[in-house]
Amino acid sequence: MPRGANQKFKLYYLAKIMLEKTDEDHYLTMPQILKELERYEVTAERKSIYTDLKDLERLGIEVEGEPDGRSYRYHVVGRQFELPEMKLLVDAIQSSKFITARKSRELIKKLESFVSEYEARKLQRQVYVSGRIKTMNESIYYNIDAIYNAIAENRKIRFHYYQWNTKKEMELRRGGEYYCVSPWALSWDAENYYLIGYDSAAEKIKHYRVDKMLHIQMTEEKREGGETYKKLDMAVYSKRSFGMFGGKEEKVRLQVRSDLAGVMIDRFGKEIMMISKDKESVTVVVDVNVSSQFFGWIFALGDGVKILGPEWVKEEMKKEIWKVAERYGGSEDHAQTTQA
């Protein structure tokens, strides 16, 4: 039998064929395997293929043969990722707001190489879940890498920070002046990546949306704020901050309708203090960073939640409510209520 032009790559092409063309539901017979190899200009005898299939196990590719009439058929079993796991990864990528639409497609395409061509089609069907809003900053991947490098090198970073203006244009904050921060960690919250860093000028921990950072540069200065960061419990920090908005830390007492107890546990964890008041409600004590986002969250829960204290938090909640009422023409009603 004449040797093919790519004979020395026989094992590589055999692995490629088995991984792409077979899975738990799709098989190849020996004649089909030989025919697929010929497409890559590789010729082989049946006996050598039997040996090669066993050699694939040394590469971590387990091929199983089973009777098919008078002959056998073969398929790959025990892949590194099962199809349900791959679907989970695809959904995570597709639903991640910080990953751009283009990068999502690229990542999913790479994931397809871990499954057969038949299973890859099922992953493609997973892609079209909805038109979710994606970040438009393609540099986020390099930003994350740059931040991790700075953390590993124990160096500060400087960067531009932007916001969108009414013309839908990127507008640098601080008039284009660089921010200088000691990076300590990256946190995922409310579908966004945040840099947790120490601002030496303000002498406090701050956070920044990674997708709104531009032109990150590692400086020669060593990081500062290590002791402050060590005292920070990231899990608690994330739970206290609504949408990663800062605010004064406070223990807030809430009266919560019993059917909303699960909402509290989902947000703050099972360790929160929860005292039964009656069959209809419970009193919950939570640690939060009091901010307009926190008040918005309370407002969204309607009459199911009431702030009991501290008094200053109740007063701030009232102010927020009146601000909204006045925006919708409720100032006169407010005045009448006050006079009454």
Protein backbone atom coordinates (compact mmCIF):
# COMPACT_ATOMS: atom_id res chain seq x y z
CA MET A 1 0.00 0.00 0.00
CA PRO A 2 1.55 3.36 -1.02
CA ARG A 3 2.23 5.76 1.81
CA GLY A 4 0.20 8.95 2.02
CA ALA A 5 1.73 12.41 1.96
CA ASN A 6 0.83 13.03 5.62
CA GLN A 7 1.74 9.61 6.97
CA LYS A 8 3.78 10.93 9.88
CA PHE A 9 0.69 12.74 11.18
CA LYS A 10 -1.45 9.61 11.20
CA LEU A 11 -2.02 9.49 14.97
CA TYR A 12 -2.85 13.20 15.06
CA TYR A 13 -5.43 12.91 12.28
CA LEU A 14 -6.89 9.76 13.81
CA ALA A 15 -7.41 11.60 17.10
CA LYS A 16 -8.96 14.54 15.24
CA ILE A 17 -11.36 12.26 13.35
CA MET A 18 -12.48 10.35 16.43
CA LEU A 19 -12.99 13.50 18.49
CA GLU A 20 -14.91 15.34 15.77
CA LYS A 21 -16.91 12.49 14.23
CA THR A 22 -17.87 10.36 17.23
CA ASP A 23 -19.56 10.74 20.59
CA GLU A 24 -21.97 8.77 22.80
CA ASP A 25 -24.51 8.58 19.95
CA HIS A 26 -22.30 8.56 16.83
CA TYR A 27 -19.83 5.88 15.78
CA LEU A 28 -17.40 5.05 12.98
CA THR A 29 -16.70 1.62 11.56
CA MET A 30 -13.19 0.63 10.52
CA PRO A 31 -13.88 1.23 6.78
CA GLN A 32 -15.23 4.68 7.67
CA ILE A 33 -12.14 5.48 9.74
CA LEU A 34 -9.86 4.47 6.86
CA LYS A 35 -11.89 6.58 4.44
CA GLU A 36 -11.70 9.62 6.77
CA LEU A 37 -7.91 9.20 7.00
CA GLU A 38 -7.64 9.18 3.21
CA ARG A 39 -9.18 12.66 3.19
CA TYR A 40 -6.06 13.81 5.05
CA GLU A 41 -3.80 11.88 2.65
CA VAL A 42 -3.03 9.20 5.21
CA THR A 43 -3.14 5.52 4.27
CA ALA A 44 -3.26 2.70 6.80
CA GLU A 45 -4.03 -0.95 7.31
CA ARG A 46 -6.70 -2.15 9.72
CA LYS A 47 -4.16 -3.81 11.99
CA SER A 48 -2.20 -0.58 12.52
CA ILE A 49 -5.38 1.34 13.30
CA TYR A 50 -6.27 -1.09 16.10
CA THR A 51 -2.88 -0.33 17.67
CA ASP A 52 -3.28 3.40 17.10
CA LEU A 53 -6.69 3.45 18.79
CA LYS A 54 -5.10 1.93 21.89
CA ASP A 55 -2.26 4.47 21.71
CA LEU A 56 -4.83 7.28 21.82
CA GLU A 57 -5.56 6.32 25.43
CA ARG A 58 -2.05 7.45 26.35
CA LEU A 59 -3.06 10.86 25.01
CA GLY A 60 -6.13 10.87 27.24
CA ILE A 61 -8.55 9.94 24.43
CA GLU A 62 -10.51 6.83 25.36
CA VAL A 63 -11.97 4.99 22.37
CA GLU A 64 -14.46 2.21 22.90
CA GLY A 65 -15.41 -0.46 20.38
CA GLU A 66 -18.65 -2.39 20.37
CA PRO A 67 -20.07 -5.14 18.15
CA ASP A 68 -22.01 -4.03 15.10
CA GLY A 69 -23.22 -7.15 13.32
CA ARG A 70 -20.12 -9.07 12.23
CA SER A 71 -17.80 -6.11 12.70
CA TYR A 72 -17.14 -3.36 15.26
CA ARG A 73 -17.87 0.33 15.47
CA TYR A 74 -15.88 2.83 17.53
CA HIS A 75 -16.50 6.07 19.43
CA VAL A 76 -14.84 8.36 21.96
CA VAL A 77 -16.08 8.05 25.55
CA GLY A 78 -15.32 9.97 28.73
CA ARG A 79 -14.49 13.36 27.29
CA GLN A 80 -12.94 16.05 29.44
CA PHE A 81 -16.26 17.94 29.44
CA GLU A 82 -19.70 16.38 29.19
CA LEU A 83 -22.28 18.04 26.92
CA PRO A 84 -24.41 19.39 29.83
CA GLU A 85 -21.26 20.98 31.26
CA MET A 86 -20.44 22.56 27.91
CA LYS A 87 -23.96 23.95 27.61
CA LEU A 88 -23.55 25.47 31.07
CA LEU A 89 -20.28 27.15 30.04
CA VAL A 90 -21.83 28.44 26.82
CA ASP A 91 -24.79 29.90 28.69
CA ALA A 92 -22.44 31.55 31.19
CA ILE A 93 -20.45 33.16 28.38
CA GLN A 94 -23.52 34.24 26.45
CA SER A 95 -25.20 35.75 29.50
CA SER A 96 -22.09 37.52 30.81
CA LYS A 97 -22.57 41.21 30.27
CA PHE A 98 -18.86 42.01 30.47
CA ILE A 99 -17.99 39.73 27.51
CA THR A 100 -18.58 41.45 24.17
CA ALA A 101 -20.77 39.81 21.52
CA ARG A 102 -17.74 39.21 19.24
CA LYS A 103 -15.66 37.66 22.02
CA SER A 104 -18.63 35.52 23.06
CA ARG A 105 -18.76 34.02 19.57
CA GLU A 106 -15.00 33.42 19.59
CA LEU A 107 -15.03 31.71 22.99
CA ILE A 108 -17.99 29.52 22.11
CA LYS A 109 -16.29 28.51 18.86
CA LYS A 110 -13.25 27.39 20.87
CA LEU A 111 -15.46 25.43 23.26
CA GLU A 112 -16.90 23.55 20.29
CA SER A 113 -13.50 21.92 19.78
CA PHE A 114 -14.05 20.00 23.02
CA VAL A 115 -17.06 18.14 21.61
CA SER A 116 -18.00 16.30 18.43
CA GLU A 117 -19.35 18.18 15.41
CA TYR A 118 -22.81 16.83 16.24
CA GLU A 119 -22.72 18.11 19.81
CA ALA A 120 -21.27 21.41 18.56
CA ARG A 121 -24.52 22.02 16.67
CA LYS A 122 -26.40 21.67 19.95
CA LEU A 123 -24.10 24.26 21.48
CA GLN A 124 -24.83 26.60 18.57
CA ARG A 125 -28.53 26.30 19.33
CA GLN A 126 -27.69 27.33 22.86
CA VAL A 127 -26.12 30.55 21.59
CA TYR A 128 -29.34 32.17 20.44
CA VAL A 129 -30.82 32.75 23.87
CA SER A 130 -31.63 36.46 23.65
CA GLY A 131 -30.32 39.84 22.61
CA ARG A 132 -28.65 40.60 25.92
CA ILE A 133 -26.87 43.93 26.30
CA LYS A 134 -23.11 43.40 26.10
CA THR A 135 -20.20 45.62 27.00
CA MET A 136 -18.69 47.53 24.08
CA ASN A 137 -15.18 47.68 25.52
CA GLU A 138 -13.14 45.05 23.69
CA SER A 139 -10.08 45.76 25.84
CA ILE A 140 -11.60 44.26 29.00
CA TYR A 141 -9.74 40.96 28.47
CA TYR A 142 -6.42 42.76 28.34
CA ASN A 143 -7.47 44.89 31.31
CA ILE A 144 -8.03 41.80 33.44
CA ASP A 145 -4.65 40.40 32.40
CA ALA A 146 -2.91 43.69 33.14
CA ILE A 147 -4.51 43.90 36.59
CA TYR A 148 -3.51 40.34 37.49
CA ASN A 149 0.05 41.04 36.32
CA ALA A 150 0.23 44.13 38.53
CA ILE A 151 -1.07 42.15 41.51
CA ALA A 152 1.54 39.45 40.89
CA GLU A 153 4.30 42.08 40.59
CA ASN A 154 3.03 43.98 43.67
CA ARG A 155 2.83 47.22 41.66
CA LYS A 156 0.36 50.08 41.40
CA ILE A 157 -1.49 50.76 38.17
CA ARG A 158 -2.72 53.93 36.51
CA PHE A 159 -5.58 54.16 34.06
CA HIS A 160 -8.20 56.37 32.48
CA TYR A 161 -11.78 55.92 33.61
CA TYR A 162 -14.67 56.79 31.30
CA GLN A 163 -18.42 57.29 31.26
CA TRP A 164 -20.94 57.64 28.42
CA ASN A 165 -22.26 61.10 27.62
CA THR A 166 -25.58 62.04 26.02
CA LYS A 167 -24.02 61.83 22.54
CA LYS A 168 -23.23 58.15 23.22
CA GLU A 169 -19.53 58.97 23.28
CA MET A 170 -16.85 57.82 25.70
CA GLU A 171 -15.99 60.70 28.01
CA LEU A 172 -12.95 60.47 30.28
CA ARG A 173 -13.60 61.30 33.91
CA ARG A 174 -11.48 63.80 35.84
CA GLY A 175 -10.89 65.61 32.57
CA GLY A 176 -8.65 62.82 31.32
CA GLU A 177 -6.45 62.74 34.41
CA TYR A 178 -5.07 59.30 35.30
CA TYR A 179 -6.36 57.35 38.28
CA CYS A 180 -3.57 55.76 40.35
CA VAL A 181 -4.58 52.73 42.42
CA SER A 182 -3.04 49.78 44.25
CA PRO A 183 -4.87 46.74 42.82
CA TRP A 184 -5.74 43.96 45.28
CA ALA A 185 -8.51 41.85 43.78
CA LEU A 186 -11.15 41.44 41.09
CA SER A 187 -14.78 40.95 42.07
CA TRP A 188 -17.84 39.85 40.09
CA ASP A 189 -21.07 41.61 41.01
CA ALA A 190 -24.33 42.43 39.21
CA GLU A 191 -22.98 41.02 35.91
CA ASN A 192 -19.88 43.22 35.99
CA TYR A 193 -16.21 42.85 36.86
CA TYR A 194 -14.85 45.27 39.45
CA LEU A 195 -11.30 46.10 40.46
CA ILE A 196 -10.94 46.33 44.23
CA GLY A 197 -8.07 48.71 44.91
CA TYR A 198 -6.61 51.04 47.49
CA ASP A 199 -6.65 54.77 46.79
CA SER A 200 -3.67 56.19 48.70
CA ALA A 201 -4.87 59.80 48.35
CA ALA A 202 -8.28 59.00 49.87
CA GLU A 203 -6.74 56.37 52.20
CA LYS A 204 -9.56 53.89 51.53
CA ILE A 205 -10.59 50.89 49.47
CA LYS A 206 -12.48 51.74 46.28
CA HIS A 207 -13.87 49.74 43.38
CA TYR A 208 -13.90 50.42 39.63
CA ARG A 209 -15.75 48.76 36.74
CA VAL A 210 -13.10 46.98 34.69
CA ASP A 211 -14.93 47.49 31.39
CA LYS A 212 -14.80 51.27 31.95
CA MET A 213 -11.03 51.32 32.47
CA LEU A 214 -8.77 52.35 29.59
CA HIS A 215 -5.02 52.49 28.95
CA ILE A 216 -3.98 50.51 32.03
CA GLN A 217 -0.28 50.86 32.82
CA MET A 218 1.77 49.19 35.55
CA THR A 219 3.86 51.74 37.45
CA GLU A 220 7.17 51.31 39.28
CA GLU A 221 5.54 52.10 42.64
CA LYS A 222 4.88 49.29 45.11
CA ARG A 223 1.30 48.68 46.17
CA GLU A 224 -0.08 50.27 49.32
CA GLY A 225 -3.06 49.53 51.54
CA GLY A 226 -2.27 45.88 52.20
CA GLU A 227 -3.30 46.02 55.85
CA THR A 228 -6.55 47.77 54.97
CA TYR A 229 -7.34 45.14 52.33
CA LYS A 230 -6.58 42.25 54.72
CA LYS A 231 -9.28 43.55 57.05
CA LEU A 232 -11.79 43.51 54.17
CA ASP A 233 -14.04 40.46 53.90
CA MET A 234 -14.84 40.35 50.17
CA ALA A 235 -17.93 38.19 50.63
CA VAL A 236 -19.37 40.60 53.20
CA TYR A 237 -18.28 43.62 51.14
CA SER A 238 -20.20 42.35 48.09
CA LYS A 239 -23.34 41.58 50.06
CA ARG A 240 -23.38 44.96 51.76
CA SER A 241 -22.86 46.92 48.55
CA PHE A 242 -25.86 47.15 46.23
CA GLY A 243 -24.64 47.23 42.63
CA MET A 244 -21.17 47.90 44.12
CA PHE A 245 -22.30 51.39 45.19
CA GLY A 246 -20.62 52.66 48.34
CA GLY A 247 -22.30 54.14 51.40
CA LYS A 248 -22.15 54.30 55.17
CA GLU A 249 -22.00 50.85 56.77
CA GLU A 250 -24.92 50.24 59.09
CA LYS A 251 -26.91 47.48 60.75
CA VAL A 252 -30.43 47.97 59.41
CA ARG A 253 -33.53 46.40 60.93
CA LEU A 254 -36.25 45.42 58.48
CA GLN A 255 -39.78 44.19 58.92
CA VAL A 256 -40.21 41.57 56.20
CA ARG A 257 -43.33 39.77 55.06
CA SER A 258 -42.87 36.05 55.68
CA ASP A 259 -43.13 35.08 52.02
CA LEU A 260 -40.12 37.33 51.29
CA ALA A 261 -37.81 35.61 53.78
CA GLY A 262 -36.20 33.74 50.89
CA VAL A 263 -35.42 37.04 49.14
CA MET A 264 -33.47 38.13 52.24
CA ILE A 265 -31.56 34.85 52.44
CA ASP A 266 -30.73 34.97 48.73
CA ARG A 267 -29.33 38.48 49.12
CA PHE A 268 -27.59 38.32 52.51
CA GLY A 269 -27.04 34.61 53.20
CA LYS A 270 -28.44 32.16 55.74
CA GLU A 271 -26.39 33.62 58.60
CA ILE A 272 -28.54 36.79 58.86
CA MET A 273 -30.47 37.41 62.07
CA MET A 274 -34.15 36.66 61.48
CA ILE A 275 -36.69 36.90 64.33
CA SER A 276 -40.31 35.83 63.90
CA LYS A 277 -42.67 38.66 64.79
CA ASP A 278 -45.92 36.90 63.96
CA LYS A 279 -47.22 34.50 61.30
CA GLU A 280 -47.20 37.25 58.68
CA SER A 281 -43.78 38.83 59.19
CA VAL A 282 -40.25 38.55 60.58
CA THR A 283 -37.69 41.09 61.75
CA VAL A 284 -34.39 40.89 59.88
CA VAL A 285 -31.11 42.58 60.84
CA VAL A 286 -28.68 43.06 57.94
CA ASP A 287 -25.35 44.83 57.43
CA VAL A 288 -25.52 47.12 54.40
CA ASN A 289 -23.81 50.09 52.80
CA VAL A 290 -26.70 52.56 52.88
CA SER A 291 -27.06 54.08 49.41
CA SER A 292 -29.71 55.12 46.92
CA GLN A 293 -29.34 51.65 45.36
CA PHE A 294 -30.23 50.07 48.70
CA PHE A 295 -33.31 52.27 49.00
CA GLY A 296 -34.26 51.38 45.43
CA TRP A 297 -34.03 47.69 46.28
CA ILE A 298 -36.27 48.21 49.32
CA PHE A 299 -38.74 50.24 47.25
CA ALA A 300 -38.92 47.48 44.62
CA LEU A 301 -40.11 45.04 47.29
CA GLY A 302 -43.18 47.22 47.84
CA ASP A 303 -45.23 46.79 51.01
CA GLY A 304 -43.44 43.53 51.75
CA VAL A 305 -40.54 45.28 53.49
CA LYS A 306 -40.38 48.19 55.94
CA ILE A 307 -37.27 49.83 57.44
CA LEU A 308 -37.56 49.81 61.25
CA GLY A 309 -34.26 51.47 62.09
CA PRO A 310 -31.92 53.16 62.68
CA GLU A 311 -33.91 56.37 62.57
CA TRP A 312 -31.51 58.18 60.22
CA VAL A 313 -31.90 55.39 57.64
CA LYS A 314 -35.70 55.73 57.83
CA GLU A 315 -35.38 59.48 57.31
CA GLU A 316 -33.09 58.97 54.29
CA MET A 317 -35.63 56.53 52.84
CA LYS A 318 -38.38 59.13 53.24
CA LYS A 319 -36.24 61.72 51.46
CA GLU A 320 -35.69 59.33 48.56
CA ILE A 321 -39.43 58.67 48.31
CA TRP A 322 -40.26 62.39 48.30
CA LYS A 323 -37.63 63.05 45.65
CA VAL A 324 -39.37 60.55 43.39
CA ALA A 325 -42.82 61.91 44.27
CA GLU A 326 -41.76 65.48 43.45
CA ARG A 327 -40.33 64.36 40.13
CA TYR A 328 -43.79 63.04 39.24
CA GLY A 329 -45.66 66.10 40.53
CA GLY A 330 -46.22 64.93 44.09
CA SER A 331 -44.85 68.02 45.85
CA GLU A 332 -48.34 69.52 46.42
CA ASP A 333 -49.56 66.28 47.96
CA HIS A 334 -46.47 66.31 50.14
CA ALA A 335 -47.22 69.84 51.34
CA GLN A 336 -50.85 68.99 52.07
CA THR A 337 -49.80 65.90 54.03
CA THR A 338 -47.27 67.94 56.02
CA GLN A 339 -49.88 70.62 56.90
CA ALA A 340 -52.35 67.98 57.99
